[in-house]
Amino acid sequence: MIHYYKLFKYLGFALLPLALNSHFATLPVLAQTTVQKSIGTSVPFTCSEKESTIKLKNPPKVTFGRTTIYIGYQQVSLVNKNPRIIRFDNGVKKWCRSDYETTKDDSTGYGLLWDGKGVLYGVFSATGSQIGNDFRRFALGRWLTSYGTGGGPKVAIIARINPTNGNVNYATFVTAKKPSDGKTNSLIVNNLSWNGANLTVSGQSWWSPRRADKSPMTCAGSSPYIYKAIFTGDLKRVTSASAVNCR
């Protein structure tokens, strides 16, 4: 019995490092799935402002270590807003983008999701299409390539952004569609989630939310409807779309 005891004791100590190594090997995987998100009221700032000034305005932001990215808009005229997004490292501006949308349409930034590495999504708004540069140039080949017909209702735009320099890789519009005349209706995003492959977008959609095939749903009751769409990470397809009281 003494020999068996010594054998088990020896095996226990021998296998302990393997168990510990196996445990700690999972830690990087857990770290990779960590994301930060912030969706809220858009606030004004300019690319020339210091981080301390922007921070006091409490815009949507995501932070990893000493790096923070803020999103908002600049009031470029009495009747026009254009989106702004800025990154600070250790309080020093690394980049700021003011060129995503430069038309006369009112557009703001109001949401971010970031994994601290290469996955960064921004949420923007639009109220129509105007002549000039806007998110349409980033949406070619994606789920919805434009605002659609009409103008006035506020819709969402989801953009995949390179966190190193702020370049937009691609984007999609997320809108509702009126079954009566086919014109665009409002949709507001209030949550994002990322599982490493798919982006889930939740929000409020006015009559009527879109199905995955982009057609308008049939809904009961009045707007807004609680809406959820699951996008592939490249924003080319919606794999699932649902809304409360709609089918």
C-alpha atoms as a PDB file:
ATOM      1  CA  MET A   1       0.000   0.000   0.000  1.00  0.00           C
ATOM      2  CA  ILE A   2       2.894   2.322   0.687  1.00  0.00           C
ATOM      3  CA  HIS A   3       4.170   1.833  -2.849  1.00  0.00           C
ATOM      4  CA  TYR A   4       0.733   2.600  -4.332  1.00  0.00           C
ATOM      5  CA  TYR A   5       0.439   5.711  -2.197  1.00  0.00           C
ATOM      6  CA  LYS A   6       3.827   6.944  -3.367  1.00  0.00           C
ATOM      7  CA  LEU A   7       2.893   6.199  -6.969  1.00  0.00           C
ATOM      8  CA  PHE A   8      -0.370   8.167  -6.757  1.00  0.00           C
ATOM      9  CA  LYS A   9       1.374  11.001  -4.949  1.00  0.00           C
ATOM     10  CA  TYR A  10       4.070  11.101  -7.632  1.00  0.00           C
ATOM     11  CA  LEU A  11       1.508  11.056 -10.467  1.00  0.00           C
ATOM     12  CA  GLY A  12      -0.505  13.799  -8.785  1.00  0.00           C
ATOM     13  CA  PHE A  13       2.477  16.147  -8.619  1.00  0.00           C
ATOM     14  CA  ALA A  14       3.567  15.177 -12.123  1.00  0.00           C
ATOM     15  CA  LEU A  15       0.171  15.955 -13.637  1.00  0.00           C
ATOM     16  CA  LEU A  16      -0.323  19.206 -11.708  1.00  0.00           C
ATOM     17  CA  PRO A  17       1.764  21.346 -14.124  1.00  0.00           C
ATOM     18  CA  LEU A  18      -0.193  19.918 -17.056  1.00  0.00           C
ATOM     19  CA  ALA A  19      -3.463  20.807 -15.403  1.00  0.00           C
ATOM     20  CA  LEU A  20      -2.256  24.311 -14.616  1.00  0.00           C
ATOM     21  CA  ASN A  21      -0.930  24.794 -18.140  1.00  0.00           C
ATOM     22  CA  SER A  22      -4.217  23.591 -19.564  1.00  0.00           C
ATOM     23  CA  HIS A  23      -6.107  26.048 -17.359  1.00  0.00           C
ATOM     24  CA  PHE A  24      -3.949  29.042 -18.176  1.00  0.00           C
ATOM     25  CA  ALA A  25      -3.950  28.214 -21.883  1.00  0.00           C
ATOM     26  CA  THR A  26      -7.644  29.128 -21.960  1.00  0.00           C
ATOM     27  CA  LEU A  27      -7.082  32.624 -20.624  1.00  0.00           C
ATOM     28  CA  PRO A  28      -6.081  34.242 -23.939  1.00  0.00           C
ATOM     29  CA  VAL A  29      -9.239  32.805 -25.530  1.00  0.00           C
ATOM     30  CA  LEU A  30     -11.347  34.460 -22.865  1.00  0.00           C
ATOM     31  CA  ALA A  31      -9.505  37.742 -23.365  1.00  0.00           C
ATOM     32  CA  GLN A  32     -10.182  37.632 -27.108  1.00  0.00           C
ATOM     33  CA  THR A  33     -13.938  37.473 -26.532  1.00  0.00           C
ATOM     34  CA  THR A  34     -13.966  40.592 -24.357  1.00  0.00           C
ATOM     35  CA  VAL A  35     -15.649  43.531 -26.037  1.00  0.00           C
ATOM     36  CA  GLN A  36     -16.647  46.988 -24.957  1.00  0.00           C
ATOM     37  CA  LYS A  37     -19.675  48.778 -26.331  1.00  0.00           C
ATOM     38  CA  SER A  38     -21.261  52.147 -25.794  1.00  0.00           C
ATOM     39  CA  ILE A  39     -24.445  53.444 -27.412  1.00  0.00           C
ATOM     40  CA  GLY A  40     -26.063  56.673 -26.338  1.00  0.00           C
ATOM     41  CA  THR A  41     -26.769  60.297 -27.044  1.00  0.00           C
ATOM     42  CA  SER A  42     -24.525  61.843 -29.657  1.00  0.00           C
ATOM     43  CA  VAL A  43     -22.678  64.984 -28.563  1.00  0.00           C
ATOM     44  CA  PRO A  44     -20.743  67.613 -30.544  1.00  0.00           C
ATOM     45  CA  PHE A  45     -16.959  67.851 -30.684  1.00  0.00           C
ATOM     46  CA  THR A  46     -14.275  68.775 -33.192  1.00  0.00           C
ATOM     47  CA  CYS A  47     -11.050  67.098 -34.238  1.00  0.00           C
ATOM     48  CA  SER A  48      -9.055  69.935 -32.677  1.00  0.00           C
ATOM     49  CA  GLU A  49     -10.386  69.454 -29.142  1.00  0.00           C
ATOM     50  CA  LYS A  50      -8.344  67.869 -26.339  1.00  0.00           C
ATOM     51  CA  GLU A  51      -9.400  64.572 -24.851  1.00  0.00           C
ATOM     52  CA  SER A  52     -10.148  66.197 -21.495  1.00  0.00           C
ATOM     53  CA  THR A  53     -12.618  68.542 -23.180  1.00  0.00           C
ATOM     54  CA  ILE A  54     -14.357  65.798 -25.142  1.00  0.00           C
ATOM     55  CA  LYS A  55     -14.513  63.511 -22.124  1.00  0.00           C
ATOM     56  CA  LEU A  56     -16.445  66.105 -20.115  1.00  0.00           C
ATOM     57  CA  LYS A  57     -19.223  65.999 -22.726  1.00  0.00           C
ATOM     58  CA  ASN A  58     -19.745  62.288 -22.023  1.00  0.00           C
ATOM     59  CA  PRO A  59     -19.997  60.959 -25.583  1.00  0.00           C
ATOM     60  CA  PRO A  60     -20.252  57.252 -26.369  1.00  0.00           C
ATOM     61  CA  LYS A  61     -16.748  55.803 -25.951  1.00  0.00           C
ATOM     62  CA  VAL A  62     -14.795  52.548 -25.670  1.00  0.00           C
ATOM     63  CA  THR A  63     -11.540  52.165 -23.727  1.00  0.00           C
ATOM     64  CA  PHE A  64      -8.844  49.510 -23.615  1.00  0.00           C
ATOM     65  CA  GLY A  65      -5.791  50.260 -21.514  1.00  0.00           C
ATOM     66  CA  ARG A  66      -4.750  53.838 -22.263  1.00  0.00           C
ATOM     67  CA  THR A  67      -6.563  54.000 -25.607  1.00  0.00           C
ATOM     68  CA  THR A  68     -10.031  55.542 -25.914  1.00  0.00           C
ATOM     69  CA  ILE A  69     -12.184  56.050 -28.995  1.00  0.00           C
ATOM     70  CA  TYR A  70     -15.021  58.592 -28.906  1.00  0.00           C
ATOM     71  CA  ILE A  71     -17.862  59.092 -31.380  1.00  0.00           C
ATOM     72  CA  GLY A  72     -20.174  62.038 -32.005  1.00  0.00           C
ATOM     73  CA  TYR A  73     -20.695  64.839 -34.503  1.00  0.00           C
ATOM     74  CA  GLN A  74     -19.689  68.358 -35.430  1.00  0.00           C
ATOM     75  CA  GLN A  75     -22.221  71.100 -36.085  1.00  0.00           C
ATOM     76  CA  VAL A  76     -20.808  72.279 -39.415  1.00  0.00           C
ATOM     77  CA  SER A  77     -23.617  74.762 -40.117  1.00  0.00           C
ATOM     78  CA  LEU A  78     -26.826  75.951 -38.523  1.00  0.00           C
ATOM     79  CA  VAL A  79     -28.742  73.154 -40.240  1.00  0.00           C
ATOM     80  CA  ASN A  80     -26.134  70.446 -40.743  1.00  0.00           C
ATOM     81  CA  LYS A  81     -24.281  67.892 -38.595  1.00  0.00           C
ATOM     82  CA  ASN A  82     -21.502  65.600 -39.791  1.00  0.00           C
ATOM     83  CA  PRO A  83     -20.168  62.581 -37.853  1.00  0.00           C
ATOM     84  CA  ARG A  84     -16.870  62.596 -35.972  1.00  0.00           C
ATOM     85  CA  ILE A  85     -14.814  59.778 -34.480  1.00  0.00           C
ATOM     86  CA  ILE A  86     -11.504  60.261 -32.681  1.00  0.00           C
ATOM     87  CA  ARG A  87      -8.883  58.077 -31.019  1.00  0.00           C
ATOM     88  CA  PHE A  88      -6.555  59.074 -28.179  1.00  0.00           C
ATOM     89  CA  ASP A  89      -3.569  57.077 -26.921  1.00  0.00           C
ATOM     90  CA  ASN A  90      -2.270  58.236 -23.535  1.00  0.00           C
ATOM     91  CA  GLY A  91      -4.203  61.481 -24.017  1.00  0.00           C
ATOM     92  CA  VAL A  92      -2.568  62.177 -27.397  1.00  0.00           C
ATOM     93  CA  LYS A  93      -4.688  62.230 -30.537  1.00  0.00           C
ATOM     94  CA  LYS A  94      -3.768  59.342 -32.843  1.00  0.00           C
ATOM     95  CA  TRP A  95      -6.389  60.088 -35.492  1.00  0.00           C
ATOM     96  CA  CYS A  96      -9.702  61.844 -36.054  1.00  0.00           C
ATOM     97  CA  ARG A  97     -12.033  61.289 -39.002  1.00  0.00           C
ATOM     98  CA  SER A  98     -14.264  63.992 -40.417  1.00  0.00           C
ATOM     99  CA  ASP A  99     -14.655  62.615 -43.945  1.00  0.00           C
ATOM    100  CA  TYR A 100     -17.157  59.770 -43.604  1.00  0.00           C
ATOM    101  CA  GLU A 101     -20.137  61.965 -44.526  1.00  0.00           C
ATOM    102  CA  THR A 102     -19.719  65.512 -45.798  1.00  0.00           C
ATOM    103  CA  THR A 103     -23.050  66.174 -47.539  1.00  0.00           C
ATOM    104  CA  LYS A 104     -25.874  68.430 -46.374  1.00  0.00           C
ATOM    105  CA  ASP A 105     -27.642  65.517 -44.699  1.00  0.00           C
ATOM    106  CA  ASP A 106     -27.753  65.467 -40.917  1.00  0.00           C
ATOM    107  CA  SER A 107     -25.545  62.588 -39.760  1.00  0.00           C
ATOM    108  CA  THR A 108     -24.163  61.751 -36.335  1.00  0.00           C
ATOM    109  CA  GLY A 109     -22.238  58.969 -34.611  1.00  0.00           C
ATOM    110  CA  TYR A 110     -23.831  57.442 -31.528  1.00  0.00           C
ATOM    111  CA  GLY A 111     -22.445  53.978 -30.898  1.00  0.00           C
ATOM    112  CA  LEU A 112     -19.260  51.895 -30.748  1.00  0.00           C
ATOM    113  CA  LEU A 113     -18.284  48.267 -30.237  1.00  0.00           C
ATOM    114  CA  TRP A 114     -14.602  47.282 -29.937  1.00  0.00           C
ATOM    115  CA  ASP A 115     -12.731  44.146 -28.936  1.00  0.00           C
ATOM    116  CA  GLY A 116      -9.554  46.113 -28.175  1.00  0.00           C
ATOM    117  CA  LYS A 117      -7.923  44.692 -31.278  1.00  0.00           C
ATOM    118  CA  GLY A 118      -9.051  44.680 -34.911  1.00  0.00           C
ATOM    119  CA  VAL A 119     -12.827  44.495 -34.521  1.00  0.00           C
ATOM    120  CA  LEU A 120     -14.377  47.962 -34.303  1.00  0.00           C
ATOM    121  CA  TYR A 121     -17.922  48.853 -35.352  1.00  0.00           C
ATOM    122  CA  GLY A 122     -19.454  52.326 -35.335  1.00  0.00           C
ATOM    123  CA  VAL A 123     -23.138  53.273 -35.345  1.00  0.00           C
ATOM    124  CA  PHE A 124     -24.186  56.355 -37.300  1.00  0.00           C
ATOM    125  CA  SER A 125     -27.425  58.037 -38.308  1.00  0.00           C
ATOM    126  CA  ALA A 126     -28.732  59.493 -41.553  1.00  0.00           C
ATOM    127  CA  THR A 127     -31.935  61.281 -42.547  1.00  0.00           C
ATOM    128  CA  GLY A 128     -31.650  60.997 -46.334  1.00  0.00           C
ATOM    129  CA  SER A 129     -29.312  61.012 -49.318  1.00  0.00           C
ATOM    130  CA  GLN A 130     -27.628  64.133 -50.639  1.00  0.00           C
ATOM    131  CA  ILE A 131     -25.132  64.777 -53.406  1.00  0.00           C
ATOM    132  CA  GLY A 132     -21.551  64.114 -52.275  1.00  0.00           C
ATOM    133  CA  ASN A 133     -19.590  61.696 -50.123  1.00  0.00           C
ATOM    134  CA  ASP A 134     -21.518  59.667 -47.605  1.00  0.00           C
ATOM    135  CA  PHE A 135     -21.685  56.074 -46.372  1.00  0.00           C
ATOM    136  CA  ARG A 136     -23.001  54.758 -49.689  1.00  0.00           C
ATOM    137  CA  ARG A 137     -19.448  54.472 -50.989  1.00  0.00           C
ATOM    138  CA  PHE A 138     -18.647  52.047 -48.162  1.00  0.00           C
ATOM    139  CA  ALA A 139     -21.863  50.012 -48.536  1.00  0.00           C
ATOM    140  CA  LEU A 140     -21.371  48.572 -52.030  1.00  0.00           C
ATOM    141  CA  GLY A 141     -22.082  44.848 -51.907  1.00  0.00           C
ATOM    142  CA  ARG A 142     -23.409  44.977 -48.318  1.00  0.00           C
ATOM    143  CA  TRP A 143     -26.891  44.214 -46.962  1.00  0.00           C
ATOM    144  CA  LEU A 144     -28.430  47.632 -47.699  1.00  0.00           C
ATOM    145  CA  THR A 145     -26.439  49.910 -49.959  1.00  0.00           C
ATOM    146  CA  SER A 146     -28.278  53.205 -49.419  1.00  0.00           C
ATOM    147  CA  TYR A 147     -30.812  55.163 -47.402  1.00  0.00           C
ATOM    148  CA  GLY A 148     -33.516  54.256 -49.904  1.00  0.00           C
ATOM    149  CA  THR A 149     -36.362  56.425 -51.156  1.00  0.00           C
ATOM    150  CA  GLY A 150     -37.816  59.407 -49.360  1.00  0.00           C
ATOM    151  CA  GLY A 151     -36.160  61.473 -46.680  1.00  0.00           C
ATOM    152  CA  GLY A 152     -36.667  62.718 -43.135  1.00  0.00           C
ATOM    153  CA  PRO A 153     -36.936  59.532 -41.051  1.00  0.00           C
ATOM    154  CA  LYS A 154     -33.736  58.828 -39.136  1.00  0.00           C
ATOM    155  CA  VAL A 155     -32.080  55.495 -39.949  1.00  0.00           C
ATOM    156  CA  ALA A 156     -28.944  53.693 -38.806  1.00  0.00           C
ATOM    157  CA  ILE A 157     -25.663  52.848 -40.471  1.00  0.00           C
ATOM    158  CA  ILE A 158     -23.308  50.193 -39.127  1.00  0.00           C
ATOM    159  CA  ALA A 159     -19.672  50.606 -40.221  1.00  0.00           C
ATOM    160  CA  ARG A 160     -16.700  48.298 -39.705  1.00  0.00           C
ATOM    161  CA  ILE A 161     -13.743  50.579 -38.946  1.00  0.00           C
ATOM    162  CA  ASN A 162      -9.994  49.996 -38.839  1.00  0.00           C
ATOM    163  CA  PRO A 163      -8.995  51.041 -35.295  1.00  0.00           C
ATOM    164  CA  THR A 164      -5.413  51.733 -36.408  1.00  0.00           C
ATOM    165  CA  ASN A 165      -6.268  54.656 -38.710  1.00  0.00           C
ATOM    166  CA  GLY A 166     -10.045  55.128 -38.658  1.00  0.00           C
ATOM    167  CA  ASN A 167     -10.601  53.959 -42.240  1.00  0.00           C
ATOM    168  CA  VAL A 168     -14.040  52.497 -42.919  1.00  0.00           C
ATOM    169  CA  ASN A 169     -13.660  48.990 -44.316  1.00  0.00           C
ATOM    170  CA  TYR A 170     -17.337  48.616 -45.218  1.00  0.00           C
ATOM    171  CA  ALA A 171     -20.789  49.589 -43.984  1.00  0.00           C
ATOM    172  CA  THR A 172     -24.485  48.823 -44.301  1.00  0.00           C
ATOM    173  CA  PHE A 173     -27.605  50.893 -43.880  1.00  0.00           C
ATOM    174  CA  VAL A 174     -30.223  49.535 -41.456  1.00  0.00           C
ATOM    175  CA  THR A 175     -33.675  50.921 -42.184  1.00  0.00           C
ATOM    176  CA  ALA A 176     -37.385  50.218 -41.994  1.00  0.00           C
ATOM    177  CA  LYS A 177     -39.613  50.213 -45.055  1.00  0.00           C
ATOM    178  CA  LYS A 178     -43.203  51.399 -45.378  1.00  0.00           C
ATOM    179  CA  PRO A 179     -45.260  48.688 -47.101  1.00  0.00           C
ATOM    180  CA  SER A 180     -47.721  51.286 -48.392  1.00  0.00           C
ATOM    181  CA  ASP A 181     -45.341  53.255 -50.618  1.00  0.00           C
ATOM    182  CA  GLY A 182     -41.944  51.567 -50.229  1.00  0.00           C
ATOM    183  CA  LYS A 183     -40.371  54.659 -48.681  1.00  0.00           C
ATOM    184  CA  THR A 184     -37.811  54.460 -45.907  1.00  0.00           C
ATOM    185  CA  ASN A 185     -38.869  54.698 -42.279  1.00  0.00           C
ATOM    186  CA  SER A 186     -36.974  55.186 -39.028  1.00  0.00           C
ATOM    187  CA  LEU A 187     -34.765  52.710 -37.198  1.00  0.00           C
ATOM    188  CA  ILE A 188     -32.664  53.438 -34.106  1.00  0.00           C
ATOM    189  CA  VAL A 189     -29.966  51.075 -32.783  1.00  0.00           C
ATOM    190  CA  ASN A 190     -29.764  50.677 -29.011  1.00  0.00           C
ATOM    191  CA  ASN A 191     -27.506  47.629 -28.598  1.00  0.00           C
ATOM    192  CA  LEU A 192     -24.748  45.645 -30.332  1.00  0.00           C
ATOM    193  CA  SER A 193     -23.192  42.285 -29.508  1.00  0.00           C
ATOM    194  CA  TRP A 194     -20.334  40.350 -31.111  1.00  0.00           C
ATOM    195  CA  ASN A 195     -19.642  36.615 -30.833  1.00  0.00           C
ATOM    196  CA  GLY A 196     -16.468  36.530 -32.898  1.00  0.00           C
ATOM    197  CA  ALA A 197     -18.263  35.900 -36.187  1.00  0.00           C
ATOM    198  CA  ASN A 198     -21.654  37.625 -36.180  1.00  0.00           C
ATOM    199  CA  LEU A 199     -22.852  41.070 -35.140  1.00  0.00           C
ATOM    200  CA  THR A 200     -26.257  41.252 -33.473  1.00  0.00           C
ATOM    201  CA  VAL A 201     -27.995  44.604 -33.871  1.00  0.00           C
ATOM    202  CA  SER A 202     -30.932  45.434 -31.601  1.00  0.00           C
ATOM    203  CA  GLY A 203     -33.073  48.514 -31.702  1.00  0.00           C
ATOM    204  CA  GLN A 204     -36.411  50.126 -32.396  1.00  0.00           C
ATOM    205  CA  SER A 205     -37.960  50.010 -35.837  1.00  0.00           C
ATOM    206  CA  TRP A 206     -40.900  51.954 -37.085  1.00  0.00           C
ATOM    207  CA  TRP A 207     -43.453  50.512 -39.519  1.00  0.00           C
ATOM    208  CA  SER A 208     -42.251  48.188 -40.846  1.00  0.00           C
ATOM    209  CA  PRO A 209     -39.116  46.305 -39.792  1.00  0.00           C
ATOM    210  CA  ARG A 210     -37.265  44.408 -42.515  1.00  0.00           C
ATOM    211  CA  ARG A 211     -36.935  40.665 -42.815  1.00  0.00           C
ATOM    212  CA  ALA A 212     -33.565  39.092 -43.557  1.00  0.00           C
ATOM    213  CA  ASP A 213     -34.494  39.216 -47.261  1.00  0.00           C
ATOM    214  CA  LYS A 214     -35.062  43.005 -46.870  1.00  0.00           C
ATOM    215  CA  SER A 215     -38.835  42.851 -47.398  1.00  0.00           C
ATOM    216  CA  PRO A 216     -41.086  44.625 -44.855  1.00  0.00           C
ATOM    217  CA  MET A 217     -42.629  42.543 -42.085  1.00  0.00           C
ATOM    218  CA  THR A 218     -46.348  42.361 -41.344  1.00  0.00           C
ATOM    219  CA  CYS A 219     -46.913  43.863 -37.918  1.00  0.00           C
ATOM    220  CA  ALA A 220     -49.740  44.348 -35.444  1.00  0.00           C
ATOM    221  CA  GLY A 221     -50.115  47.336 -33.156  1.00  0.00           C
ATOM    222  CA  SER A 222     -48.246  50.606 -33.431  1.00  0.00           C
ATOM    223  CA  SER A 223     -44.619  51.630 -33.898  1.00  0.00           C
ATOM    224  CA  PRO A 224     -41.929  51.402 -32.698  1.00  0.00           C
ATOM    225  CA  TYR A 225     -41.298  47.661 -32.700  1.00  0.00           C
ATOM    226  CA  ILE A 226     -38.458  45.981 -30.796  1.00  0.00           C
ATOM    227  CA  TYR A 227     -36.177  44.674 -33.545  1.00  0.00           C
ATOM    228  CA  LYS A 228     -33.194  42.332 -33.753  1.00  0.00           C
ATOM    229  CA  ALA A 229     -31.068  41.408 -36.772  1.00  0.00           C
ATOM    230  CA  ILE A 230     -28.047  39.121 -36.842  1.00  0.00           C
ATOM    231  CA  PHE A 231     -25.445  40.183 -39.414  1.00  0.00           C
ATOM    232  CA  THR A 232     -22.482  38.277 -40.719  1.00  0.00           C
ATOM    233  CA  GLY A 233     -19.322  40.052 -39.643  1.00  0.00           C
ATOM    234  CA  ASP A 234     -18.756  41.416 -43.161  1.00  0.00           C
ATOM    235  CA  LEU A 235     -22.247  43.012 -43.123  1.00  0.00           C
ATOM    236  CA  LYS A 236     -23.165  41.322 -46.392  1.00  0.00           C
ATOM    237  CA  ARG A 237     -26.025  39.231 -45.059  1.00  0.00           C
ATOM    238  CA  VAL A 238     -28.614  39.106 -42.309  1.00  0.00           C
ATOM    239  CA  THR A 239     -29.005  35.527 -41.156  1.00  0.00           C
ATOM    240  CA  SER A 240     -31.965  36.216 -38.867  1.00  0.00           C
ATOM    241  CA  ALA A 241     -34.346  39.123 -38.273  1.00  0.00           C
ATOM    242  CA  SER A 242     -37.245  39.388 -35.843  1.00  0.00           C
ATOM    243  CA  ALA A 243     -39.493  42.011 -34.281  1.00  0.00           C
ATOM    244  CA  VAL A 244     -42.049  41.886 -31.501  1.00  0.00           C
ATOM    245  CA  ASN A 245     -45.632  41.695 -32.865  1.00  0.00           C
ATOM    246  CA  CYS A 246     -44.314  41.222 -36.397  1.00  0.00           C
ATOM    247  CA  ARG A 247     -43.854  38.294 -38.741  1.00  0.00           C
END
